[in-house]
Protein backbone atom coordinates (compact mmCIF):
# COMPACT_ATOMS: atom_id res chain seq x y z
CA MET A 1 -10.18 41.71 49.78
CA THR A 2 -10.18 41.75 46.00
CA GLY A 3 -8.67 38.88 44.11
CA ALA A 4 -5.89 41.12 42.82
CA ARG A 5 -4.73 42.01 46.30
CA ALA A 6 -5.17 38.55 47.70
CA ALA A 7 -2.88 37.26 44.94
CA VAL A 8 0.03 39.54 45.89
CA GLU A 9 3.00 37.41 46.88
CA GLY A 10 4.86 37.68 50.17
CA THR A 11 4.09 37.36 53.87
CA PRO A 12 0.97 39.16 55.15
CA THR A 13 3.18 41.83 56.70
CA GLU A 14 5.07 42.37 53.43
CA VAL A 15 1.83 42.51 51.47
CA TRP A 16 0.30 44.94 53.95
CA HIS A 17 3.30 47.31 53.86
CA ARG A 18 3.95 46.98 50.11
CA SER A 19 0.44 47.11 48.71
CA ALA A 20 -2.21 49.81 48.74
CA LEU A 21 -3.75 48.53 51.95
CA PRO A 22 -5.01 51.56 53.90
CA ALA A 23 -3.15 50.69 57.11
CA SER A 24 0.26 51.17 55.53
CA SER A 25 0.34 54.81 56.65
CA ILE A 26 0.36 53.84 60.32
CA GLY A 27 2.67 50.85 60.10
CA SER A 28 5.84 52.52 61.41
CA TRP A 29 5.17 51.67 65.06
CA LEU A 30 4.12 48.09 64.41
CA PRO A 31 6.39 45.07 64.81
CA GLY A 32 7.74 42.74 62.18
CA GLY A 33 8.24 38.99 62.58
CA PRO A 34 5.47 36.59 63.61
CA LEU A 35 3.49 39.26 65.47
CA GLY A 36 3.62 41.55 62.45
CA ASP A 37 2.51 38.68 60.23
CA ALA A 38 -0.40 37.94 62.56
CA LEU A 39 -1.48 41.58 62.52
CA GLY A 40 -1.15 41.68 58.74
CA GLU A 41 -3.36 38.62 58.44
CA GLY A 42 -5.86 40.18 60.81
CA LEU A 43 -5.93 43.36 58.78
CA VAL A 44 -6.56 41.41 55.59
CA ARG A 45 -9.61 39.88 57.29
CA VAL A 46 -10.77 43.30 58.49
CA GLU A 47 -10.40 44.85 55.03
CA SER A 48 -12.35 42.02 53.45
CA ALA A 49 -15.15 42.31 56.01
CA LEU A 50 -15.13 46.11 55.74
CA THR A 51 -15.50 45.95 51.97
CA ALA A 52 -18.43 43.56 52.38
CA ALA A 53 -20.00 45.81 55.02
CA VAL A 54 -20.15 48.83 52.70
CA GLY A 55 -21.47 46.84 49.75
CA SER A 56 -24.95 47.26 48.28
CA GLU A 57 -26.99 45.95 45.38
CA HIS A 58 -27.57 49.59 44.43
CA PRO A 59 -24.54 51.01 42.58
CA PHE A 60 -24.82 54.57 43.88
CA VAL A 61 -25.29 53.45 47.50
CA ARG A 62 -22.29 51.14 47.11
CA GLU A 63 -20.20 53.99 45.69
CA ALA A 64 -21.17 56.48 48.40
CA ALA A 65 -20.76 53.99 51.27
CA GLY A 66 -17.40 52.83 49.97
CA HIS A 67 -16.12 56.33 49.22
CA LEU A 68 -14.02 56.79 52.37
CA VAL A 69 -13.05 53.13 52.55
CA ALA A 70 -11.54 53.46 49.07
CA ALA A 71 -9.83 56.73 50.06
CA GLY A 72 -7.75 54.80 52.59
CA GLY A 73 -6.79 55.80 56.09
CA LYS A 74 -4.70 54.66 58.98
CA ARG A 75 -7.11 51.99 60.27
CA PHE A 76 -5.87 53.00 63.71
CA ARG A 77 -8.90 51.66 65.59
CA PRO A 78 -9.09 48.19 64.04
CA MET A 79 -5.33 47.85 64.29
CA LEU A 80 -5.47 48.60 68.02
CA ALA A 81 -8.28 46.05 68.37
CA LEU A 82 -6.20 43.43 66.55
CA LEU A 83 -3.15 44.17 68.68
CA ALA A 84 -5.11 43.97 71.95
CA ALA A 85 -6.56 40.66 70.76
CA GLN A 86 -3.05 39.22 70.54
CA LEU A 87 -3.13 38.95 74.34
CA GLY A 88 -5.84 36.30 73.95
CA ASP A 89 -7.12 34.30 70.99
CA PRO A 90 -6.94 36.70 68.01
CA GLU A 91 -8.34 34.11 65.59
CA ARG A 92 -11.86 34.34 67.00
CA PRO A 93 -14.17 35.68 64.26
CA GLU A 94 -15.77 38.08 66.74
CA VAL A 95 -12.48 40.00 66.90
CA THR A 96 -12.68 40.81 63.20
CA SER A 97 -16.34 41.78 63.42
CA ALA A 98 -15.70 44.05 66.41
CA ALA A 99 -12.77 45.73 64.65
CA VAL A 100 -14.98 46.39 61.62
CA VAL A 101 -17.71 47.84 63.85
CA CYS A 102 -15.23 50.34 65.26
CA GLU A 103 -13.97 51.38 61.84
CA LEU A 104 -17.49 51.69 60.41
CA THR A 105 -18.45 53.89 63.34
CA HIS A 106 -15.39 56.05 62.80
CA LEU A 107 -16.08 56.37 59.06
CA ALA A 108 -19.71 57.28 59.71
CA THR A 109 -18.64 60.13 62.01
CA LEU A 110 -16.30 61.42 59.27
CA TYR A 111 -19.19 61.75 56.81
CA HIS A 112 -21.11 63.77 59.40
CA ASP A 113 -18.08 65.80 60.50
CA ASP A 114 -17.40 66.89 56.95
CA VAL A 115 -20.92 68.26 56.66
CA MET A 116 -20.61 70.17 59.93
CA ASP A 117 -17.17 71.51 59.02
CA GLU A 118 -18.10 72.15 55.37
CA ALA A 119 -14.93 70.25 54.47
CA ALA A 120 -14.00 69.93 50.81
CA VAL A 121 -11.34 67.23 51.13
CA ARG A 122 -11.02 64.09 53.22
CA ARG A 123 -8.00 61.76 53.03
CA GLY A 124 -6.75 63.51 49.92
CA ALA A 125 -10.01 62.95 48.03
CA PRO A 126 -13.12 65.09 47.65
CA SER A 127 -15.31 64.73 50.74
CA ALA A 128 -18.69 63.08 50.21
CA ASN A 129 -20.53 66.34 50.82
CA SER A 130 -18.48 68.17 48.19
CA ARG A 131 -18.58 65.29 45.70
CA TRP A 132 -22.35 64.93 46.05
CA ASN A 133 -24.13 67.06 48.67
CA ASN A 134 -24.78 67.33 52.40
CA SER A 135 -27.87 65.15 52.31
CA ILE A 136 -26.03 62.28 50.65
CA ALA A 137 -23.16 62.57 53.13
CA ILE A 138 -25.48 62.55 56.15
CA LEU A 139 -27.52 59.64 54.86
CA THR A 140 -24.39 57.66 54.00
CA GLY A 141 -23.07 58.18 57.51
CA ASP A 142 -26.41 56.93 58.85
CA LEU A 143 -26.14 53.89 56.58
CA LEU A 144 -22.71 53.02 58.00
CA PHE A 145 -24.05 53.33 61.55
CA ALA A 146 -26.81 50.91 60.55
CA ARG A 147 -24.28 48.43 59.11
CA ALA A 148 -22.24 48.64 62.32
CA SER A 149 -25.39 47.94 64.35
CA ASP A 150 -26.16 44.92 62.20
CA LEU A 151 -22.75 43.44 62.96
CA LEU A 152 -23.12 44.28 66.65
CA ALA A 153 -26.34 42.29 66.88
CA ASP A 154 -24.27 39.12 66.40
CA LEU A 155 -21.79 40.13 69.11
CA GLY A 156 -24.31 40.11 71.95
CA PRO A 157 -26.23 42.57 74.11
CA GLU A 158 -23.21 43.70 76.12
CA ALA A 159 -21.38 44.73 72.96
CA VAL A 160 -24.48 46.62 71.83
CA ARG A 161 -24.62 48.38 75.19
CA ILE A 162 -20.93 49.35 75.08
CA GLN A 163 -21.30 50.64 71.53
CA ALA A 164 -24.42 52.62 72.45
CA ARG A 165 -22.59 54.28 75.32
CA THR A 166 -19.62 54.98 73.09
CA PHE A 167 -21.90 56.53 70.49
CA GLU A 168 -23.53 58.64 73.20
CA ARG A 169 -20.10 59.99 74.15
CA LEU A 170 -19.24 60.70 70.51
CA VAL A 171 -22.41 62.74 70.07
CA THR A 172 -22.08 64.43 73.46
CA GLY A 173 -18.55 65.48 72.57
CA GLN A 174 -19.70 66.88 69.25
CA ILE A 175 -22.55 68.81 70.89
CA ARG A 176 -20.23 70.24 73.55
CA GLU A 177 -17.69 71.24 70.90
CA THR A 178 -20.39 72.90 68.81
CA VAL A 179 -21.87 74.82 71.75
CA GLY A 180 -18.49 75.64 73.26
CA PRO A 181 -17.55 76.07 76.93
CA GLN A 182 -20.23 77.54 79.15
CA PRO A 183 -19.72 80.55 81.44
CA GLY A 184 -17.38 79.57 84.23
CA ASP A 185 -15.93 76.60 82.32
CA ASP A 186 -12.18 76.31 81.79
CA PRO A 187 -11.86 76.32 77.97
CA ILE A 188 -8.78 74.08 78.07
CA ALA A 189 -10.40 71.49 80.35
CA HIS A 190 -13.53 71.66 78.18
CA HIS A 191 -11.43 71.02 75.06
CA LEU A 192 -9.69 67.99 76.57
CA GLU A 193 -13.02 66.56 77.75
CA VAL A 194 -14.41 67.00 74.23
CA LEU A 195 -11.41 65.13 72.79
CA ALA A 196 -11.90 62.32 75.30
CA ASP A 197 -15.52 61.95 74.17
CA LYS A 198 -15.10 62.56 70.43
CA THR A 199 -11.90 60.56 69.88
CA GLY A 200 -10.80 58.79 73.05
CA SER A 201 -14.05 56.94 73.61
CA LEU A 202 -14.03 55.03 70.30
CA VAL A 203 -10.31 54.24 70.52
CA ALA A 204 -10.97 52.93 74.04
CA THR A 205 -13.82 50.75 72.76
CA SER A 206 -11.57 49.43 69.99
CA ALA A 207 -9.06 48.20 72.54
CA ARG A 208 -11.87 46.86 74.75
CA PHE A 209 -13.56 44.94 71.94
CA GLY A 210 -10.31 43.45 70.62
CA ALA A 211 -9.24 42.21 74.04
CA SER A 212 -12.63 41.08 75.35
CA PHE A 213 -13.62 39.13 72.23
CA ALA A 214 -10.21 37.44 72.28
CA GLY A 215 -10.97 36.18 75.79
CA VAL A 216 -8.54 38.41 77.70
CA ASP A 217 -8.96 38.61 81.48
CA ALA A 218 -11.52 41.24 82.52
CA GLY A 219 -9.06 43.20 84.65
CA LEU A 220 -6.62 43.52 81.78
CA VAL A 221 -9.45 44.49 79.43
CA GLU A 222 -10.21 47.44 81.70
CA GLU A 223 -6.58 48.57 81.69
CA LEU A 224 -6.40 48.30 77.91
CA THR A 225 -9.63 50.30 77.64
CA ALA A 226 -8.12 53.06 79.78
CA PHE A 227 -4.96 52.88 77.67
CA GLY A 228 -7.06 53.33 74.53
CA GLU A 229 -8.75 56.45 75.85
CA GLU A 230 -5.47 58.10 76.87
CA VAL A 231 -3.69 57.26 73.62
CA GLY A 232 -6.78 58.28 71.64
CA VAL A 233 -6.71 61.77 73.13
CA ALA A 234 -2.97 61.92 72.47
CA PHE A 235 -3.59 60.95 68.85
CA GLN A 236 -6.06 63.80 68.39
CA LEU A 237 -3.74 66.28 70.13
CA SER A 238 -1.00 65.28 67.73
CA ASP A 239 -3.40 66.02 64.86
CA ASP A 240 -3.75 69.54 66.30
CA LEU A 241 0.02 69.99 66.30
CA ILE A 242 0.45 68.51 62.81
CA ASP A 243 -2.00 71.13 61.54
CA ILE A 244 0.47 73.77 62.74
CA LEU A 245 3.81 72.08 62.17
CA GLY A 246 3.17 69.67 59.30
CA ALA A 247 4.06 70.16 55.66
CA ALA A 248 1.22 69.78 53.18
CA ASP A 249 3.15 67.26 51.07
CA ILE A 250 3.57 65.02 54.11
CA SER A 251 0.32 65.43 56.00
CA GLY A 252 -1.92 65.76 52.94
CA LYS A 253 -3.56 68.72 54.64
CA SER A 254 -2.84 72.40 54.14
CA PRO A 255 -1.07 73.72 57.28
CA GLY A 256 -3.15 75.99 59.44
CA THR A 257 -6.53 74.65 58.31
CA ASP A 258 -7.84 74.85 61.87
CA LEU A 259 -6.67 78.47 62.11
CA ARG A 260 -8.38 79.33 58.84
CA GLU A 261 -11.64 77.76 59.99
CA GLY A 262 -11.50 79.20 63.50
CA ILE A 263 -11.33 75.78 65.16
CA PRO A 264 -9.93 76.27 68.69
CA THR A 265 -7.18 73.67 69.13
CA LEU A 266 -5.05 73.36 72.24
CA PRO A 267 -2.16 75.66 71.21
CA ALA A 268 -4.62 78.45 70.32
CA LEU A 269 -6.51 77.92 73.57
CA PHE A 270 -3.30 78.23 75.58
CA ALA A 271 -2.53 81.46 73.74
CA LEU A 272 -6.01 82.84 74.43
CA ALA A 273 -5.82 81.88 78.11
CA GLY A 274 -2.40 83.50 78.63
CA ASP A 275 -1.35 87.03 79.34
CA ASP A 276 2.20 86.95 77.94
CA PRO A 277 2.78 90.33 76.24
CA ALA A 278 4.88 88.53 73.62
CA GLU A 279 1.76 86.66 72.50
CA ALA A 280 -0.62 89.63 72.45
CA ARG A 281 -0.71 89.71 68.65
CA LEU A 282 -1.13 85.94 68.51
CA ARG A 283 -4.13 86.17 70.87
CA GLU A 284 -5.67 88.79 68.63
CA LEU A 285 -5.28 86.58 65.57
CA VAL A 286 -6.46 83.23 66.97
CA ALA A 287 -9.54 84.74 68.61
CA ARG A 288 -11.30 84.48 65.22
CA PRO A 289 -11.04 82.60 61.91
CA VAL A 290 -7.85 83.74 60.17
CA THR A 291 -8.89 83.96 56.54
CA ASP A 292 -6.61 86.73 55.29
CA GLU A 293 -3.57 85.08 53.68
CA GLY A 294 -1.07 87.50 55.20
CA GLU A 295 -2.53 87.21 58.70
CA HIS A 296 -2.77 83.44 58.30
CA ALA A 297 0.95 83.16 57.50
CA GLU A 298 1.73 85.49 60.42
CA ALA A 299 -0.38 83.50 62.88
CA LEU A 300 1.12 80.21 61.75
CA GLU A 301 4.67 81.51 62.12
CA MET A 302 3.93 82.93 65.57
CA LEU A 303 2.28 79.71 66.76
CA ARG A 304 5.21 77.59 65.60
CA SER A 305 7.62 79.48 67.88
CA SER A 306 5.20 80.14 70.74
CA ARG A 307 5.24 79.11 74.35
CA SER A 308 1.62 78.03 73.82
CA LEU A 309 2.75 75.40 71.33
CA GLU A 310 5.34 74.16 73.83
CA ARG A 311 2.65 73.81 76.48
CA ALA A 312 0.37 71.91 74.12
CA THR A 313 3.24 69.60 73.21
CA GLN A 314 3.79 68.93 76.90
CA VAL A 315 0.14 68.01 77.36
CA LEU A 316 0.44 65.60 74.42
CA GLY A 317 3.46 64.01 76.08
CA ASP A 318 1.61 63.74 79.38
CA TYR A 319 -1.26 61.83 77.77
CA ALA A 320 1.16 59.50 76.01
CA GLU A 321 2.97 58.79 79.27
CA ARG A 322 -0.29 58.15 81.12
CA ALA A 323 -1.18 55.67 78.41
CA ARG A 324 2.23 54.03 78.74
CA ALA A 325 1.77 53.70 82.51
CA ARG A 326 -1.33 51.58 81.86
CA LEU A 327 0.90 49.01 80.17
CA ALA A 328 2.29 47.90 83.53
CA ALA A 329 -0.68 45.51 83.60
CA VAL A 330 0.19 44.01 80.21
CA PRO A 331 2.46 40.93 80.25
CA GLU A 332 5.99 41.63 79.06
CA GLY A 333 6.57 40.75 75.44
CA GLU A 334 6.05 41.94 71.88
CA VAL A 335 2.49 43.17 72.36
CA ARG A 336 3.47 45.37 75.27
CA GLU A 337 6.47 46.68 73.33
CA ALA A 338 4.26 47.48 70.32
CA LEU A 339 1.77 49.35 72.50
CA SER A 340 4.63 51.29 74.06
CA SER A 341 5.90 52.13 70.57
CA LEU A 342 2.43 53.49 69.81
CA CYS A 343 2.87 55.93 72.70
CA ASP A 344 6.10 57.14 71.08
CA TYR A 345 4.47 57.30 67.67
CA VAL A 346 1.62 59.60 68.70
CA VAL A 347 4.16 62.11 70.03
CA THR A 348 6.51 62.03 67.01
CA ARG A 349 4.14 61.43 64.06
CA THR A 350 4.11 63.95 61.22
CA SER A 351 1.01 62.78 59.33
């Protein structure tokens, strides 16, 4: 945390909501009061450690590694780790380190994703590959993975093993998405499995690390891990819907980007799998990248009023409710209420 931010007056929660701290964009589901203050304090520690983790004696390396940190973000994974830790001893330094590991891992995958997707913008700023080049973006992602591994070494062999298995799932999900469903595979089931690996696995590990390093009972850690995976898939599904329904000035992303790039999200997959005559034209459009501006506008309008979008929205709701059901194991109180609010948030979010 820079001196300027540390000097901002107010409670940690007020500072976190009022200042330029990256987590402010996901704060709507989080509590106020003492729990909110505790989470704000935890986030200040995470931001400070994250800034240190992307530092370097070499100015260009420091700039490239800190590029996405400076661009901001929701800090969804460390925030979930901090919230899960509230069920134990959240002041343990290992909690902060584990939260930073999860965010570094997430940021590293973004550098690599932008190369694979040939993305020009990330978090409202030029992506690393467009600002510099693909090689710099790939190497910077590798650097962040290395920094995460360095922190993990101090957290013990079991944490290293869990992270390695999480990373394996991340890469497996990316490979399966790149290759696509194989003959005989259900494309919708394949897509949901990819989301569980690419997104759900790291969110699950965030909840696991936060709870386990805070000393939470092993049985509850397992339930929170399962919660994290379900809510992580729901979070990614909501991203798919925001790409269709969101306004650019709210989401920071041009609507229909996935359509334009030919990325098969759940609503498009439902359309392709259906045989409704009313969606025949929609199936024709979403079967390929929609680059023509007129066809793009047509496809987006049709998707927004389609039965396929309704079905995808229902799947999102199902994942959120499965996540909520996991909270039966969590003691009643503010933490459980906040986690339940997260389930509502992933269904209703617009950015």
